[in-house]
Amino acid sequence: MDTSKNRVLLVVDGSYQSLETVNYLSQVLPPDNSEVVMLHITSKVPETFWDLEKDPVWQQKVQTVRSWETQQENRISGFMEKAAEIFSDAGFPDSAVKVDVRERKEGIARDIRAESHLGYASVTLGRRGLSTIPDLALGGVANKVVLRASDLAVWLVGGRPEPEKIIVGIDSSDGSMLAVEHLARIVKGVSKKILLLHVVRKVPEMNGLNGPEARQFQEEREQRAANEIEPVFRKALIKLQAAGVSPGEISTKVIMGATTRAGTILEEARSGGYGTIVVGRRGVSTVEEFDMGRVTNKLVQTAKDRALWVVG
């Protein structure tokens, strides 16, 4: 294993969203510094089922299932060939793209988790798989992986995200800086437009404060927040520049008086054309019971047309 390269575990199921995820990765990752393992986990029909083939009553049904299995194998084989071609066209060497098709063992999400601990920089999944039910905006497998993989970076890809512009939600937490470090590692040596964004919520009117007093309280709070985030911005800039990102490609922004931080980050991403949102799994709170911060959790549920990197 070449530890100098970023190994990315790409989970695919042959769906349209999986193919869009392949397209996204092929444009986000630097071809000369990345290795992609495309993992597909199949759920085979139990062997005991095939014993029914000897029973004349079941013969036709068994043949139908055999035909279905063959179709699934052909479909995923064709998908892998097309995906490998996309990576090749993007400049990835053949040796940098590997295919892993295996049978389900403990469960698809658990099998992904087991594989993800074998030296990967991130696990990438499409938000939706083969299911076309509108209410299932976040596939069951993807949901389980992002909720339980507290020690991993999980990338959820929805729609057809723009790969060249990245927005990073910044606060003063350790998780926020881990997200910056992860981004620096991934984009090392490539050109990306990066916005470091800090959002300050509007304070509800306090008991005994209203009118001018409330406004003054809010202004003083916003000024403190702006002063406190400046050293965090500087630290993040140093890390990104050390990874080869040009200072001219990095910008910072503070938005004050927001009603919702997650909503503001998402709106900024959409209005500015940022296809990727990067956040730490936890924010300022380090309470163990809150494994995923409220802002991150809300973005997981709402950033359906973006690529969302949740960094553990």
C-alpha atoms as a PDB file:
ATOM      1  CA  MET A   1       0.000   0.000   0.000  1.00  0.00           C
ATOM      2  CA  ASP A   2       1.365   3.437  -0.970  1.00  0.00           C
ATOM      3  CA  THR A   3       0.756   5.528   2.155  1.00  0.00           C
ATOM      4  CA  SER A   4       1.811   8.720   0.351  1.00  0.00           C
ATOM      5  CA  LYS A   5      -1.407   8.608  -1.691  1.00  0.00           C
ATOM      6  CA  ASN A   6      -4.949   9.310  -0.585  1.00  0.00           C
ATOM      7  CA  ARG A   7      -6.908   6.061  -0.725  1.00  0.00           C
ATOM      8  CA  VAL A   8     -10.615   6.663  -1.235  1.00  0.00           C
ATOM      9  CA  LEU A   9     -13.205   3.942  -0.762  1.00  0.00           C
ATOM     10  CA  LEU A  10     -15.965   4.544  -3.305  1.00  0.00           C
ATOM     11  CA  VAL A  11     -19.108   2.503  -2.614  1.00  0.00           C
ATOM     12  CA  VAL A  12     -21.192   1.943  -5.761  1.00  0.00           C
ATOM     13  CA  ASP A  13     -24.387   0.103  -6.625  1.00  0.00           C
ATOM     14  CA  GLY A  14     -24.633   0.716 -10.357  1.00  0.00           C
ATOM     15  CA  SER A  15     -27.198   3.517  -9.997  1.00  0.00           C
ATOM     16  CA  TYR A  16     -27.286   6.846 -11.822  1.00  0.00           C
ATOM     17  CA  GLN A  17     -26.196   8.614  -8.612  1.00  0.00           C
ATOM     18  CA  SER A  18     -23.249   6.235  -8.291  1.00  0.00           C
ATOM     19  CA  LEU A  19     -22.138   7.242 -11.776  1.00  0.00           C
ATOM     20  CA  GLU A  20     -22.456  10.939 -10.900  1.00  0.00           C
ATOM     21  CA  THR A  21     -20.355  10.218  -7.806  1.00  0.00           C
ATOM     22  CA  VAL A  22     -17.685   8.657 -10.034  1.00  0.00           C
ATOM     23  CA  ASN A  23     -17.725  11.780 -12.228  1.00  0.00           C
ATOM     24  CA  TYR A  24     -17.397  14.002  -9.160  1.00  0.00           C
ATOM     25  CA  LEU A  25     -14.467  12.077  -7.677  1.00  0.00           C
ATOM     26  CA  SER A  26     -12.641  11.961 -11.001  1.00  0.00           C
ATOM     27  CA  GLN A  27     -12.612  15.779 -11.001  1.00  0.00           C
ATOM     28  CA  VAL A  28     -12.013  16.450  -7.299  1.00  0.00           C
ATOM     29  CA  LEU A  29      -9.134  14.064  -6.614  1.00  0.00           C
ATOM     30  CA  PRO A  30      -5.632  14.698  -7.969  1.00  0.00           C
ATOM     31  CA  PRO A  31      -4.952  11.763 -10.359  1.00  0.00           C
ATOM     32  CA  ASP A  32      -1.264  11.452  -9.488  1.00  0.00           C
ATOM     33  CA  ASN A  33      -1.830  11.415  -5.727  1.00  0.00           C
ATOM     34  CA  SER A  34      -4.942   9.264  -5.315  1.00  0.00           C
ATOM     35  CA  GLU A  35      -6.028   5.659  -5.303  1.00  0.00           C
ATOM     36  CA  VAL A  36      -9.702   4.754  -5.662  1.00  0.00           C
ATOM     37  CA  VAL A  37     -11.171   1.411  -4.638  1.00  0.00           C
ATOM     38  CA  MET A  38     -14.635   0.932  -6.110  1.00  0.00           C
ATOM     39  CA  LEU A  39     -16.508  -1.397  -3.781  1.00  0.00           C
ATOM     40  CA  HIS A  40     -19.743  -3.167  -4.645  1.00  0.00           C
ATOM     41  CA  ILE A  41     -21.340  -5.521  -2.146  1.00  0.00           C
ATOM     42  CA  THR A  42     -23.780  -8.078  -3.481  1.00  0.00           C
ATOM     43  CA  SER A  43     -26.515  -9.922  -1.616  1.00  0.00           C
ATOM     44  CA  LYS A  44     -26.498 -13.426  -2.989  1.00  0.00           C
ATOM     45  CA  VAL A  45     -29.451 -15.788  -2.869  1.00  0.00           C
ATOM     46  CA  PRO A  46     -28.835 -18.453  -0.153  1.00  0.00           C
ATOM     47  CA  GLU A  47     -27.496 -21.752  -1.501  1.00  0.00           C
ATOM     48  CA  THR A  48     -30.402 -23.625   0.105  1.00  0.00           C
ATOM     49  CA  PHE A  49     -32.704 -21.889  -2.359  1.00  0.00           C
ATOM     50  CA  TRP A  50     -31.020 -23.617  -5.298  1.00  0.00           C
ATOM     51  CA  ASP A  51     -31.907 -27.028  -3.840  1.00  0.00           C
ATOM     52  CA  LEU A  52     -35.491 -26.221  -4.789  1.00  0.00           C
ATOM     53  CA  GLU A  53     -34.478 -26.502  -8.440  1.00  0.00           C
ATOM     54  CA  LYS A  54     -34.969 -30.261  -8.164  1.00  0.00           C
ATOM     55  CA  ASP A  55     -38.626 -29.698  -7.310  1.00  0.00           C
ATOM     56  CA  PRO A  56     -40.706 -29.356 -10.513  1.00  0.00           C
ATOM     57  CA  VAL A  57     -43.027 -26.890  -8.772  1.00  0.00           C
ATOM     58  CA  TRP A  58     -40.134 -24.497  -8.103  1.00  0.00           C
ATOM     59  CA  GLN A  59     -38.118 -24.942 -11.292  1.00  0.00           C
ATOM     60  CA  GLN A  60     -39.554 -21.917 -13.112  1.00  0.00           C
ATOM     61  CA  LYS A  61     -39.078 -19.615 -10.105  1.00  0.00           C
ATOM     62  CA  VAL A  62     -35.503 -20.773  -9.622  1.00  0.00           C
ATOM     63  CA  GLN A  63     -34.757 -20.079 -13.295  1.00  0.00           C
ATOM     64  CA  THR A  64     -36.182 -16.564 -12.911  1.00  0.00           C
ATOM     65  CA  VAL A  65     -33.931 -15.895  -9.922  1.00  0.00           C
ATOM     66  CA  ARG A  66     -30.889 -17.265 -11.757  1.00  0.00           C
ATOM     67  CA  SER A  67     -31.649 -14.951 -14.673  1.00  0.00           C
ATOM     68  CA  TRP A  68     -31.979 -11.997 -12.275  1.00  0.00           C
ATOM     69  CA  GLU A  69     -28.612 -12.760 -10.662  1.00  0.00           C
ATOM     70  CA  THR A  70     -26.941 -12.918 -14.060  1.00  0.00           C
ATOM     71  CA  GLN A  71     -28.471  -9.578 -15.033  1.00  0.00           C
ATOM     72  CA  GLN A  72     -27.196  -7.969 -11.810  1.00  0.00           C
ATOM     73  CA  GLU A  73     -23.694  -9.332 -12.365  1.00  0.00           C
ATOM     74  CA  ASN A  74     -23.661  -8.043 -15.945  1.00  0.00           C
ATOM     75  CA  ARG A  75     -25.019  -4.669 -14.869  1.00  0.00           C
ATOM     76  CA  ILE A  76     -22.382  -4.054 -12.214  1.00  0.00           C
ATOM     77  CA  SER A  77     -19.632  -5.360 -14.505  1.00  0.00           C
ATOM     78  CA  GLY A  78     -20.664  -2.875 -17.167  1.00  0.00           C
ATOM     79  CA  PHE A  79     -20.854  -0.108 -14.571  1.00  0.00           C
ATOM     80  CA  MET A  80     -17.322  -0.813 -13.334  1.00  0.00           C
ATOM     81  CA  GLU A  81     -15.971  -0.710 -16.881  1.00  0.00           C
ATOM     82  CA  LYS A  82     -17.651   2.635 -17.548  1.00  0.00           C
ATOM     83  CA  ALA A  83     -16.453   4.048 -14.208  1.00  0.00           C
ATOM     84  CA  ALA A  84     -12.870   2.932 -14.870  1.00  0.00           C
ATOM     85  CA  GLU A  85     -13.056   4.645 -18.256  1.00  0.00           C
ATOM     86  CA  ILE A  86     -14.191   7.917 -16.618  1.00  0.00           C
ATOM     87  CA  PHE A  87     -11.216   7.836 -14.237  1.00  0.00           C
ATOM     88  CA  SER A  88      -8.865   6.991 -17.093  1.00  0.00           C
ATOM     89  CA  ASP A  89     -10.158   9.922 -19.179  1.00  0.00           C
ATOM     90  CA  ALA A  90      -9.543  12.181 -16.150  1.00  0.00           C
ATOM     91  CA  GLY A  91      -5.871  11.166 -16.082  1.00  0.00           C
ATOM     92  CA  PHE A  92      -5.857   8.427 -13.444  1.00  0.00           C
ATOM     93  CA  PRO A  93      -3.357   5.618 -14.107  1.00  0.00           C
ATOM     94  CA  ASP A  94      -4.942   2.184 -14.433  1.00  0.00           C
ATOM     95  CA  SER A  95      -3.094   1.107 -11.280  1.00  0.00           C
ATOM     96  CA  ALA A  96      -4.815   3.880  -9.277  1.00  0.00           C
ATOM     97  CA  VAL A  97      -8.328   2.489  -9.794  1.00  0.00           C
ATOM     98  CA  LYS A  98      -9.248  -0.885  -8.338  1.00  0.00           C
ATOM     99  CA  VAL A  99     -12.478  -2.882  -8.444  1.00  0.00           C
ATOM    100  CA  ASP A 100     -13.726  -4.919  -5.487  1.00  0.00           C
ATOM    101  CA  VAL A 101     -16.961  -6.883  -5.908  1.00  0.00           C
ATOM    102  CA  ARG A 102     -17.754  -9.100  -2.948  1.00  0.00           C
ATOM    103  CA  GLU A 103     -20.593 -10.877  -1.236  1.00  0.00           C
ATOM    104  CA  ARG A 104     -22.344  -9.421   1.778  1.00  0.00           C
ATOM    105  CA  LYS A 105     -21.109 -10.806   5.104  1.00  0.00           C
ATOM    106  CA  GLU A 106     -22.468  -9.070   8.214  1.00  0.00           C
ATOM    107  CA  GLY A 107     -24.503  -6.412   6.415  1.00  0.00           C
ATOM    108  CA  ILE A 108     -23.709  -3.857   3.735  1.00  0.00           C
ATOM    109  CA  ALA A 109     -23.135  -0.930   6.117  1.00  0.00           C
ATOM    110  CA  ARG A 110     -21.085  -3.077   8.513  1.00  0.00           C
ATOM    111  CA  ASP A 111     -19.029  -4.513   5.674  1.00  0.00           C
ATOM    112  CA  ILE A 112     -18.291  -0.978   4.443  1.00  0.00           C
ATOM    113  CA  ARG A 113     -17.224   0.041   7.945  1.00  0.00           C
ATOM    114  CA  ALA A 114     -14.904  -2.962   8.232  1.00  0.00           C
ATOM    115  CA  GLU A 115     -13.246  -2.163   4.896  1.00  0.00           C
ATOM    116  CA  SER A 116     -13.015   1.564   5.643  1.00  0.00           C
ATOM    117  CA  HIS A 117     -10.575   0.997   8.490  1.00  0.00           C
ATOM    118  CA  LEU A 118      -7.943  -0.397   6.143  1.00  0.00           C
ATOM    119  CA  GLY A 119      -6.092   2.847   5.504  1.00  0.00           C
ATOM    120  CA  TYR A 120      -8.606   5.001   3.616  1.00  0.00           C
ATOM    121  CA  ALA A 121      -8.656   8.803   3.704  1.00  0.00           C
ATOM    122  CA  SER A 122     -12.406   8.845   3.110  1.00  0.00           C
ATOM    123  CA  VAL A 123     -15.478   6.779   2.290  1.00  0.00           C
ATOM    124  CA  THR A 124     -17.631   8.118  -0.536  1.00  0.00           C
ATOM    125  CA  LEU A 125     -21.257   7.201  -1.246  1.00  0.00           C
ATOM    126  CA  GLY A 126     -24.034   8.549  -3.387  1.00  0.00           C
ATOM    127  CA  ARG A 127     -26.921   9.972  -1.388  1.00  0.00           C
ATOM    128  CA  ARG A 128     -29.412   7.808  -3.205  1.00  0.00           C
ATOM    129  CA  GLY A 129     -29.005   4.351  -4.607  1.00  0.00           C
ATOM    130  CA  LEU A 130     -31.289   2.332  -6.818  1.00  0.00           C
ATOM    131  CA  SER A 131     -34.355   3.220  -4.761  1.00  0.00           C
ATOM    132  CA  THR A 132     -36.496   5.884  -6.473  1.00  0.00           C
ATOM    133  CA  ILE A 133     -38.798   6.581  -3.528  1.00  0.00           C
ATOM    134  CA  PRO A 134     -38.748  10.412  -3.168  1.00  0.00           C
ATOM    135  CA  ASP A 135     -38.877  10.362   0.636  1.00  0.00           C
ATOM    136  CA  LEU A 136     -35.684   8.324   0.845  1.00  0.00           C
ATOM    137  CA  ALA A 137     -33.446  11.309   0.115  1.00  0.00           C
ATOM    138  CA  LEU A 138     -30.580   9.703   2.007  1.00  0.00           C
ATOM    139  CA  GLY A 139     -30.183   6.014   1.269  1.00  0.00           C
ATOM    140  CA  GLY A 140     -30.402   3.644   4.208  1.00  0.00           C
ATOM    141  CA  VAL A 141     -26.830   2.412   3.802  1.00  0.00           C
ATOM    142  CA  ALA A 142     -25.370   5.906   3.420  1.00  0.00           C
ATOM    143  CA  ASN A 143     -27.349   7.044   6.468  1.00  0.00           C
ATOM    144  CA  LYS A 144     -25.972   4.218   8.618  1.00  0.00           C
ATOM    145  CA  VAL A 145     -22.395   4.822   7.483  1.00  0.00           C
ATOM    146  CA  VAL A 146     -22.384   8.569   8.132  1.00  0.00           C
ATOM    147  CA  LEU A 147     -24.088   8.236  11.520  1.00  0.00           C
ATOM    148  CA  ARG A 148     -21.831   5.478  12.835  1.00  0.00           C
ATOM    149  CA  ALA A 149     -18.476   6.337  11.261  1.00  0.00           C
ATOM    150  CA  SER A 150     -17.440   8.847  13.912  1.00  0.00           C
ATOM    151  CA  ASP A 151     -13.743   8.201  13.286  1.00  0.00           C
ATOM    152  CA  LEU A 152     -13.868   8.563   9.485  1.00  0.00           C
ATOM    153  CA  ALA A 153     -14.327  11.168   6.795  1.00  0.00           C
ATOM    154  CA  VAL A 154     -17.531  10.333   4.926  1.00  0.00           C
ATOM    155  CA  TRP A 155     -18.386  12.072   1.656  1.00  0.00           C
ATOM    156  CA  LEU A 156     -22.047  12.088   0.624  1.00  0.00           C
ATOM    157  CA  VAL A 157     -22.635  13.052  -3.000  1.00  0.00           C
ATOM    158  CA  GLY A 158     -26.010  14.242  -4.236  1.00  0.00           C
ATOM    159  CA  GLY A 159     -26.988  15.517  -7.674  1.00  0.00           C
ATOM    160  CA  ARG A 160     -24.186  16.707  -9.960  1.00  0.00           C
ATOM    161  CA  PRO A 161     -22.037  18.940  -7.722  1.00  0.00           C
ATOM    162  CA  GLU A 162     -19.584  21.472  -9.104  1.00  0.00           C
ATOM    163  CA  PRO A 163     -16.124  20.026  -8.280  1.00  0.00           C
ATOM    164  CA  GLU A 164     -13.954  23.156  -8.462  1.00  0.00           C
ATOM    165  CA  LYS A 165     -15.421  25.278  -5.642  1.00  0.00           C
ATOM    166  CA  ILE A 166     -15.362  24.219  -1.992  1.00  0.00           C
ATOM    167  CA  ILE A 167     -16.893  25.871   1.065  1.00  0.00           C
ATOM    168  CA  VAL A 168     -15.666  25.021   4.578  1.00  0.00           C
ATOM    169  CA  GLY A 169     -17.811  25.676   7.648  1.00  0.00           C
ATOM    170  CA  ILE A 170     -15.439  27.096  10.255  1.00  0.00           C
ATOM    171  CA  ASP A 171     -15.749  27.623  13.992  1.00  0.00           C
ATOM    172  CA  SER A 172     -13.277  27.484  16.876  1.00  0.00           C
ATOM    173  CA  SER A 173     -13.654  23.736  17.473  1.00  0.00           C
ATOM    174  CA  ASP A 174     -11.023  21.038  17.020  1.00  0.00           C
ATOM    175  CA  GLY A 175     -13.426  19.285  14.647  1.00  0.00           C
ATOM    176  CA  SER A 176     -13.457  22.314  12.391  1.00  0.00           C
ATOM    177  CA  MET A 177      -9.670  22.338  12.098  1.00  0.00           C
ATOM    178  CA  LEU A 178      -9.649  18.580  11.440  1.00  0.00           C
ATOM    179  CA  ALA A 179     -11.933  19.303   8.487  1.00  0.00           C
ATOM    180  CA  VAL A 180      -9.451  21.889   7.177  1.00  0.00           C
ATOM    181  CA  GLU A 181      -6.560  19.437   7.567  1.00  0.00           C
ATOM    182  CA  HIS A 182      -8.507  16.754   5.725  1.00  0.00           C
ATOM    183  CA  LEU A 183      -9.264  19.146   2.871  1.00  0.00           C
ATOM    184  CA  ALA A 184      -5.610  20.213   2.691  1.00  0.00           C
ATOM    185  CA  ARG A 185      -4.532  16.591   2.412  1.00  0.00           C
ATOM    186  CA  ILE A 186      -7.019  15.833  -0.363  1.00  0.00           C
ATOM    187  CA  VAL A 187      -6.465  18.912  -2.559  1.00  0.00           C
ATOM    188  CA  LYS A 188      -2.699  18.992  -2.154  1.00  0.00           C
ATOM    189  CA  GLY A 189      -1.159  20.209  -5.376  1.00  0.00           C
ATOM    190  CA  VAL A 190      -4.430  20.931  -7.214  1.00  0.00           C
ATOM    191  CA  SER A 191      -6.252  24.154  -7.972  1.00  0.00           C
ATOM    192  CA  LYS A 192      -9.531  24.712  -6.111  1.00  0.00           C
ATOM    193  CA  LYS A 193     -11.462  27.779  -5.051  1.00  0.00           C
ATOM    194  CA  ILE A 194     -11.963  27.552  -1.281  1.00  0.00           C
ATOM    195  CA  LEU A 195     -14.179  29.690   0.950  1.00  0.00           C
ATOM    196  CA  LEU A 196     -13.740  29.558   4.727  1.00  0.00           C
ATOM    197  CA  LEU A 197     -17.108  30.549   6.157  1.00  0.00           C
ATOM    198  CA  HIS A 198     -17.997  31.407   9.752  1.00  0.00           C
ATOM    199  CA  VAL A 199     -21.663  31.928  10.612  1.00  0.00           C
ATOM    200  CA  VAL A 200     -22.845  33.723  13.756  1.00  0.00           C
ATOM    201  CA  ARG A 201     -26.434  33.169  14.798  1.00  0.00           C
ATOM    202  CA  LYS A 202     -28.706  35.996  15.792  1.00  0.00           C
ATOM    203  CA  VAL A 203     -29.271  36.092  19.539  1.00  0.00           C
ATOM    204  CA  PRO A 204     -32.921  35.967  20.601  1.00  0.00           C
ATOM    205  CA  GLU A 205     -33.964  39.000  22.548  1.00  0.00           C
ATOM    206  CA  MET A 206     -32.880  38.568  26.160  1.00  0.00           C
ATOM    207  CA  ASN A 207     -35.102  39.143  29.196  1.00  0.00           C
ATOM    208  CA  GLY A 208     -34.922  42.791  30.055  1.00  0.00           C
ATOM    209  CA  LEU A 209     -33.245  43.745  26.762  1.00  0.00           C
ATOM    210  CA  ASN A 210     -35.130  45.229  23.849  1.00  0.00           C
ATOM    211  CA  GLY A 211     -34.834  48.011  21.320  1.00  0.00           C
ATOM    212  CA  PRO A 212     -31.446  49.817  21.379  1.00  0.00           C
ATOM    213  CA  GLU A 213     -30.145  47.653  24.245  1.00  0.00           C
ATOM    214  CA  ALA A 214     -30.814  44.449  22.320  1.00  0.00           C
ATOM    215  CA  ARG A 215     -29.173  45.841  19.171  1.00  0.00           C
ATOM    216  CA  GLN A 216     -26.107  46.942  21.130  1.00  0.00           C
ATOM    217  CA  PHE A 217     -25.854  43.499  22.739  1.00  0.00           C
ATOM    218  CA  GLN A 218     -26.009  41.851  19.307  1.00  0.00           C
ATOM    219  CA  GLU A 219     -23.401  44.201  17.807  1.00  0.00           C
ATOM    220  CA  GLU A 220     -20.983  43.600  20.687  1.00  0.00           C
ATOM    221  CA  ARG A 221     -21.471  39.845  20.376  1.00  0.00           C
ATOM    222  CA  GLU A 222     -20.841  39.956  16.634  1.00  0.00           C
ATOM    223  CA  GLN A 223     -17.670  41.981  17.124  1.00  0.00           C
ATOM    224  CA  ARG A 224     -16.364  39.452  19.666  1.00  0.00           C
ATOM    225  CA  ALA A 225     -17.170  36.620  17.282  1.00  0.00           C
ATOM    226  CA  ALA A 226     -15.318  38.349  14.432  1.00  0.00           C
ATOM    227  CA  ASN A 227     -12.261  38.910  16.633  1.00  0.00           C
ATOM    228  CA  GLU A 228     -12.265  35.324  17.905  1.00  0.00           C
ATOM    229  CA  ILE A 229     -12.504  33.729  14.444  1.00  0.00           C
ATOM    230  CA  GLU A 230      -9.596  35.696  12.942  1.00  0.00           C
ATOM    231  CA  PRO A 231      -6.817  33.508  14.457  1.00  0.00           C
ATOM    232  CA  VAL A 232      -8.795  30.422  13.367  1.00  0.00           C
ATOM    233  CA  PHE A 233      -8.897  31.746   9.798  1.00  0.00           C
ATOM    234  CA  ARG A 234      -5.137  32.414   9.911  1.00  0.00           C
ATOM    235  CA  LYS A 235      -4.408  28.890  11.124  1.00  0.00           C
ATOM    236  CA  ALA A 236      -6.587  27.394   8.393  1.00  0.00           C
ATOM    237  CA  LEU A 237      -4.926  29.552   5.739  1.00  0.00           C
ATOM    238  CA  ILE A 238      -1.489  28.368   6.830  1.00  0.00           C
ATOM    239  CA  LYS A 239      -2.535  24.715   6.585  1.00  0.00           C
ATOM    240  CA  LEU A 240      -4.060  25.141   3.128  1.00  0.00           C
ATOM    241  CA  GLN A 241      -1.126  27.131   1.780  1.00  0.00           C
ATOM    242  CA  ALA A 242       1.279  24.514   3.127  1.00  0.00           C
ATOM    243  CA  ALA A 243      -0.619  21.994   0.975  1.00  0.00           C
ATOM    244  CA  GLY A 244       0.061  24.093  -2.103  1.00  0.00           C
ATOM    245  CA  VAL A 245      -3.220  25.999  -2.340  1.00  0.00           C
ATOM    246  CA  SER A 246      -2.543  29.479  -3.711  1.00  0.00           C
ATOM    247  CA  PRO A 247      -3.487  32.332  -1.321  1.00  0.00           C
ATOM    248  CA  GLY A 248      -5.431  33.872  -4.189  1.00  0.00           C
ATOM    249  CA  GLU A 249      -7.712  30.821  -4.286  1.00  0.00           C
ATOM    250  CA  ILE A 250      -8.685  31.079  -0.606  1.00  0.00           C
ATOM    251  CA  SER A 251     -11.192  33.581   0.746  1.00  0.00           C
ATOM    252  CA  THR A 252     -12.815  34.088   4.135  1.00  0.00           C
ATOM    253  CA  LYS A 253     -16.249  35.335   5.094  1.00  0.00           C
ATOM    254  CA  VAL A 254     -18.199  35.971   8.283  1.00  0.00           C
ATOM    255  CA  ILE A 255     -22.001  36.116   8.145  1.00  0.00           C
ATOM    256  CA  MET A 256     -23.638  37.727  11.149  1.00  0.00           C
ATOM    257  CA  GLY A 257     -27.160  37.487  12.535  1.00  0.00           C
ATOM    258  CA  ALA A 258     -28.114  34.219  10.851  1.00  0.00           C
ATOM    259  CA  THR A 259     -31.348  32.492  11.801  1.00  0.00           C
ATOM    260  CA  THR A 260     -29.824  29.061  11.139  1.00  0.00           C
ATOM    261  CA  ARG A 261     -26.165  28.214  10.611  1.00  0.00           C
ATOM    262  CA  ALA A 262     -26.755  25.116   8.512  1.00  0.00           C
ATOM    263  CA  GLY A 263     -29.280  26.908   6.321  1.00  0.00           C
ATOM    264  CA  THR A 264     -26.934  29.860   5.871  1.00  0.00           C
ATOM    265  CA  ILE A 265     -24.007  27.630   4.873  1.00  0.00           C
ATOM    266  CA  LEU A 266     -26.190  25.813   2.344  1.00  0.00           C
ATOM    267  CA  GLU A 267     -27.595  29.044   0.917  1.00  0.00           C
ATOM    268  CA  GLU A 268     -24.081  30.466   0.554  1.00  0.00           C
ATOM    269  CA  ALA A 269     -22.983  27.295  -1.220  1.00  0.00           C
ATOM    270  CA  ARG A 270     -25.890  27.465  -3.658  1.00  0.00           C
ATOM    271  CA  SER A 271     -25.676  31.178  -4.372  1.00  0.00           C
ATOM    272  CA  GLY A 272     -21.889  31.038  -4.803  1.00  0.00           C
ATOM    273  CA  GLY A 273     -21.825  27.869  -6.892  1.00  0.00           C
ATOM    274  CA  TYR A 274     -19.891  25.817  -4.332  1.00  0.00           C
ATOM    275  CA  GLY A 275     -20.468  22.151  -5.083  1.00  0.00           C
ATOM    276  CA  THR A 276     -18.682  20.824  -2.006  1.00  0.00           C
ATOM    277  CA  ILE A 277     -19.360  21.612   1.658  1.00  0.00           C
ATOM    278  CA  VAL A 278     -16.773  20.495   4.219  1.00  0.00           C
ATOM    279  CA  VAL A 279     -17.615  20.364   7.940  1.00  0.00           C
ATOM    280  CA  GLY A 280     -16.300  18.716  11.072  1.00  0.00           C
ATOM    281  CA  ARG A 281     -18.443  16.021  12.620  1.00  0.00           C
ATOM    282  CA  ARG A 282     -18.635  17.997  15.847  1.00  0.00           C
ATOM    283  CA  GLY A 283     -18.763  21.704  16.478  1.00  0.00           C
ATOM    284  CA  VAL A 284     -17.821  23.596  19.591  1.00  0.00           C
ATOM    285  CA  SER A 285     -19.688  21.162  21.843  1.00  0.00           C
ATOM    286  CA  THR A 286     -17.642  18.082  22.772  1.00  0.00           C
ATOM    287  CA  VAL A 287     -20.360  16.264  24.692  1.00  0.00           C
ATOM    288  CA  GLU A 288     -19.929  12.567  23.844  1.00  0.00           C
ATOM    289  CA  GLU A 289     -23.660  11.954  23.488  1.00  0.00           C
ATOM    290  CA  PHE A 290     -23.820  14.427  20.617  1.00  0.00           C
ATOM    291  CA  ASP A 291     -21.756  12.395  18.169  1.00  0.00           C
ATOM    292  CA  MET A 292     -22.718  14.622  15.257  1.00  0.00           C
ATOM    293  CA  GLY A 293     -23.071  18.351  15.746  1.00  0.00           C
ATOM    294  CA  ARG A 294     -26.439  19.944  15.110  1.00  0.00           C
ATOM    295  CA  VAL A 295     -25.202  21.975  12.144  1.00  0.00           C
ATOM    296  CA  THR A 296     -23.574  18.937  10.528  1.00  0.00           C
ATOM    297  CA  ASN A 297     -26.603  16.757  11.168  1.00  0.00           C
ATOM    298  CA  LYS A 298     -28.901  19.304   9.539  1.00  0.00           C
ATOM    299  CA  LEU A 299     -26.629  19.575   6.502  1.00  0.00           C
ATOM    300  CA  VAL A 300     -26.660  15.779   6.167  1.00  0.00           C
ATOM    301  CA  GLN A 301     -30.436  15.981   5.875  1.00  0.00           C
ATOM    302  CA  THR A 302     -30.709  19.065   3.653  1.00  0.00           C
ATOM    303  CA  ALA A 303     -27.680  19.363   1.348  1.00  0.00           C
ATOM    304  CA  LYS A 304     -29.251  17.027  -1.178  1.00  0.00           C
ATOM    305  CA  ASP A 305     -27.732  18.610  -4.302  1.00  0.00           C
ATOM    306  CA  ARG A 306     -24.163  19.044  -2.990  1.00  0.00           C
ATOM    307  CA  ALA A 307     -21.223  16.901  -1.997  1.00  0.00           C
ATOM    308  CA  LEU A 308     -20.986  16.999   1.796  1.00  0.00           C
ATOM    309  CA  TRP A 309     -17.748  15.949   3.518  1.00  0.00           C
ATOM    310  CA  VAL A 310     -18.310  15.038   7.162  1.00  0.00           C
ATOM    311  CA  VAL A 311     -14.892  14.759   8.784  1.00  0.00           C
ATOM    312  CA  GLY A 312     -14.503  12.714  11.967  1.00  0.00           C
END
